Amino acid sequence: MAHAGELRFAALRRATGGAAGNARLTALTAAALIVLLAVEGVTIPWIRPLLTVHVFVGMLLLVPVALKLASTGYRFAGYYLGRREYVANGPPAPLMRYLVAPVLVVSTITLFASGIAAAAMGHGGPVLGLHKASFVVWAGAFGLHVLWYGVRALRFGLADRRDRLAGAGLRIAVVLAAVAVGVAVALATLPLAHGWQPWAH
């Protein structure tokens, strides 16, 4: 049974490109997130008239963000479980590994959880304050993350056009599916934004 499981895992690794495929999936997801986060960022200075857009895009982001956390978490697990190809790639730089990454993950979860709670409540209060505070922390950690990994992510994201590593089509499909499911979640939760309108105006 164990041998059969190892064979299936090896076949899955070959089909998806292994550690290199994981890095490219992370980069493609990051590219989608940058676009969506830019749209979300534009709504912040004009939050009152664009509140519905802000809530819609925030809910849409939930699924791509979860995919990004899953792909990076998989790499993290692969490294610490001693999988050869992940170990060969080495760990992140100490600053990113011990400070920026933990702060980014915690602030991301707090930002989205407080945003969902605030949208569900339909008014301001301590939860909204937490949402704003977590955004400040998240923005700093995210900025450092992009500065450190931006060029490498762009290189990985474009690599499939050069060498077509196994799983290229699957990676694109997974990212598109994450965005599509995010749109479905955003549409389903759009009524939450309407509850904010009396408070916003």
Protein backbone atom coordinates (compact mmCIF):
# COMPACT_ATOMS: atom_id res chain seq x y z
CA MET A 1 0.00 0.00 0.00
CA ALA A 2 2.80 2.41 0.93
CA HIS A 3 4.61 1.63 -2.32
CA ALA A 4 1.43 2.28 -4.32
CA GLY A 5 0.98 5.59 -2.51
CA GLU A 6 4.54 6.61 -3.33
CA LEU A 7 3.98 5.77 -6.99
CA ARG A 8 0.81 7.86 -7.10
CA PHE A 9 2.59 10.78 -5.43
CA ALA A 10 5.49 10.50 -7.89
CA ALA A 11 3.05 10.48 -10.81
CA LEU A 12 1.27 13.55 -9.41
CA ARG A 13 4.60 15.32 -8.96
CA ARG A 14 5.57 14.61 -12.58
CA ALA A 15 2.18 15.78 -13.84
CA THR A 16 2.29 19.07 -11.91
CA GLY A 17 5.98 19.92 -12.25
CA GLY A 18 6.98 19.28 -8.64
CA ALA A 19 8.64 22.10 -6.70
CA ALA A 20 9.15 24.17 -9.85
CA GLY A 21 5.47 23.78 -10.71
CA ASN A 22 4.50 24.85 -7.21
CA ALA A 23 6.68 27.97 -7.53
CA ARG A 24 5.04 28.83 -10.84
CA LEU A 25 1.55 28.30 -9.43
CA THR A 26 2.43 30.63 -6.56
CA ALA A 27 3.71 33.23 -9.04
CA LEU A 28 0.61 33.02 -11.25
CA THR A 29 -1.65 33.35 -8.22
CA ALA A 30 0.39 36.31 -7.04
CA ALA A 31 -0.05 37.99 -10.44
CA ALA A 32 -3.83 37.62 -10.21
CA LEU A 33 -3.77 38.93 -6.65
CA ILE A 34 -1.73 42.01 -7.61
CA VAL A 35 -4.37 43.00 -10.16
CA LEU A 36 -7.27 42.41 -7.77
CA LEU A 37 -5.51 44.11 -4.86
CA ALA A 38 -4.81 47.13 -7.07
CA VAL A 39 -8.55 47.41 -7.78
CA GLU A 40 -9.28 47.06 -4.07
CA GLY A 41 -6.67 49.68 -3.25
CA VAL A 42 -8.25 52.20 -5.62
CA THR A 43 -11.51 52.01 -3.67
CA ILE A 44 -9.91 52.97 -0.34
CA PRO A 45 -9.48 56.73 -0.88
CA TRP A 46 -13.10 56.91 -2.12
CA ILE A 47 -14.51 54.22 0.16
CA ARG A 48 -17.95 55.78 0.66
CA PRO A 49 -19.05 55.96 -3.01
CA LEU A 50 -17.13 52.77 -3.86
CA LEU A 51 -18.12 50.75 -0.80
CA THR A 52 -20.02 48.14 -2.82
CA VAL A 53 -17.01 47.62 -5.09
CA HIS A 54 -14.73 47.42 -2.05
CA VAL A 55 -16.83 44.68 -0.43
CA PHE A 56 -17.31 42.82 -3.72
CA VAL A 57 -13.59 42.70 -4.54
CA GLY A 58 -12.74 41.88 -0.93
CA MET A 59 -14.99 38.84 -1.02
CA LEU A 60 -13.68 37.86 -4.46
CA LEU A 61 -10.13 37.93 -3.07
CA LEU A 62 -10.90 35.29 -0.46
CA VAL A 63 -10.44 32.32 -2.79
CA PRO A 64 -7.27 33.49 -4.63
CA VAL A 65 -5.74 34.45 -1.25
CA ALA A 66 -6.56 30.97 0.08
CA LEU A 67 -4.89 29.45 -3.00
CA LYS A 68 -1.77 31.58 -2.43
CA LEU A 69 -1.60 30.54 1.23
CA ALA A 70 -2.09 26.90 0.22
CA SER A 71 0.66 26.92 -2.41
CA THR A 72 3.18 28.63 -0.13
CA GLY A 73 2.12 26.40 2.76
CA TYR A 74 2.71 23.35 0.58
CA ARG A 75 6.22 24.54 -0.18
CA PHE A 76 6.79 25.20 3.52
CA ALA A 77 5.64 21.67 4.37
CA GLY A 78 7.74 20.15 1.59
CA TYR A 79 10.88 21.85 2.91
CA TYR A 80 10.37 20.88 6.54
CA LEU A 81 9.33 17.34 5.65
CA GLY A 82 12.66 16.97 3.87
CA ARG A 83 11.41 16.46 0.32
CA ARG A 84 14.55 16.59 -1.80
CA GLU A 85 13.52 19.12 -4.45
CA TYR A 86 12.14 21.56 -1.87
CA VAL A 87 15.21 21.23 0.33
CA ALA A 88 17.43 21.78 -2.72
CA ASN A 89 15.72 25.13 -3.33
CA GLY A 90 16.68 26.20 0.17
CA PRO A 91 14.71 28.19 2.75
CA PRO A 92 13.65 31.84 2.38
CA ALA A 93 15.98 34.54 3.65
CA PRO A 94 15.91 34.81 7.48
CA LEU A 95 14.19 38.22 7.49
CA MET A 96 11.37 36.93 5.27
CA ARG A 97 11.20 33.56 6.97
CA TYR A 98 11.08 34.62 10.60
CA LEU A 99 9.56 38.10 10.51
CA VAL A 100 7.81 39.19 7.31
CA ALA A 101 6.09 35.90 6.43
CA PRO A 102 4.52 35.28 9.88
CA VAL A 103 3.35 38.91 10.11
CA LEU A 104 1.97 38.78 6.57
CA VAL A 105 0.05 35.55 7.16
CA VAL A 106 -1.43 36.65 10.50
CA SER A 107 -2.33 40.15 9.24
CA THR A 108 -3.86 38.69 6.06
CA ILE A 109 -6.11 36.35 8.03
CA THR A 110 -7.03 39.15 10.46
CA LEU A 111 -7.69 41.62 7.64
CA PHE A 112 -10.07 39.34 5.77
CA ALA A 113 -11.75 37.88 8.86
CA SER A 114 -12.43 41.35 10.27
CA GLY A 115 -13.60 42.54 6.85
CA ILE A 116 -16.10 39.69 6.61
CA ALA A 117 -17.29 40.34 10.16
CA ALA A 118 -17.64 44.08 9.53
CA ALA A 119 -19.58 43.47 6.31
CA ALA A 120 -21.88 41.02 8.08
CA MET A 121 -22.52 43.48 10.94
CA GLY A 122 -23.32 46.31 8.54
CA HIS A 123 -21.92 49.13 10.68
CA GLY A 124 -18.73 50.49 12.26
CA GLY A 125 -17.32 49.59 15.64
CA PRO A 126 -14.37 47.70 17.12
CA VAL A 127 -14.36 45.16 14.30
CA LEU A 128 -14.01 47.94 11.73
CA GLY A 129 -11.20 49.40 13.84
CA LEU A 130 -9.46 46.03 13.80
CA HIS A 131 -9.94 45.86 10.04
CA LYS A 132 -8.25 49.23 9.57
CA ALA A 133 -5.41 48.44 11.99
CA SER A 134 -4.72 45.07 10.40
CA PHE A 135 -4.64 46.75 6.99
CA VAL A 136 -1.83 49.06 8.14
CA VAL A 137 0.22 46.09 9.38
CA TRP A 138 -0.63 44.03 6.30
CA ALA A 139 0.31 46.84 3.89
CA GLY A 140 3.79 47.12 5.42
CA ALA A 141 4.43 43.36 5.36
CA PHE A 142 2.96 43.02 1.88
CA GLY A 143 5.13 45.84 0.55
CA LEU A 144 8.29 44.14 1.84
CA HIS A 145 7.09 40.82 0.42
CA VAL A 146 6.55 42.29 -3.05
CA LEU A 147 9.89 44.12 -3.02
CA TRP A 148 11.69 40.91 -2.09
CA TYR A 149 9.88 38.43 -4.33
CA GLY A 150 8.43 40.57 -7.12
CA VAL A 151 11.13 40.04 -9.74
CA ARG A 152 11.43 36.33 -9.00
CA ALA A 153 7.65 35.89 -9.15
CA LEU A 154 7.58 37.60 -12.56
CA ARG A 155 10.33 35.29 -13.80
CA PHE A 156 8.51 32.18 -12.55
CA GLY A 157 5.18 33.41 -13.90
CA LEU A 158 6.57 33.81 -17.41
CA ALA A 159 8.68 30.65 -17.35
CA ASP A 160 5.90 28.40 -18.69
CA ARG A 161 5.93 30.35 -21.93
CA ARG A 162 9.57 29.38 -22.37
CA ASP A 163 9.88 25.73 -21.40
CA ARG A 164 6.30 24.48 -20.78
CA LEU A 165 7.03 22.60 -17.59
CA ALA A 166 4.53 19.80 -16.93
CA GLY A 167 1.24 21.06 -15.56
CA ALA A 168 1.28 24.50 -17.22
CA GLY A 169 -2.32 24.22 -18.37
CA LEU A 170 -3.41 22.88 -15.01
CA ARG A 171 -1.79 25.80 -13.19
CA ILE A 172 -3.59 28.34 -15.36
CA ALA A 173 -6.87 26.46 -14.91
CA VAL A 174 -6.46 26.39 -11.12
CA VAL A 175 -5.85 30.15 -10.93
CA LEU A 176 -8.76 30.92 -13.26
CA ALA A 177 -10.98 28.59 -11.25
CA ALA A 178 -9.98 30.34 -8.02
CA VAL A 179 -10.92 33.71 -9.52
CA ALA A 180 -14.21 32.30 -10.87
CA VAL A 181 -15.16 30.81 -7.51
CA GLY A 182 -14.17 34.10 -5.90
CA VAL A 183 -16.57 35.94 -8.22
CA ALA A 184 -19.33 33.49 -7.24
CA VAL A 185 -18.62 34.11 -3.54
CA ALA A 186 -18.62 37.87 -4.11
CA LEU A 187 -21.94 37.75 -5.97
CA ALA A 188 -23.49 35.57 -3.27
CA THR A 189 -22.39 37.96 -0.51
CA LEU A 190 -23.08 41.21 -2.38
CA PRO A 191 -26.18 41.93 -0.25
CA LEU A 192 -23.82 42.45 2.70
CA ALA A 193 -22.54 45.63 1.06
CA HIS A 194 -26.06 47.04 0.90
CA GLY A 195 -26.34 46.88 4.69
CA TRP A 196 -23.43 49.30 4.89
CA GLN A 197 -25.00 51.95 2.67
CA PRO A 198 -27.01 53.86 5.34
CA TRP A 199 -23.90 53.99 7.60
CA ALA A 200 -21.59 54.97 4.74
CA HIS A 201 -23.79 57.87 3.62
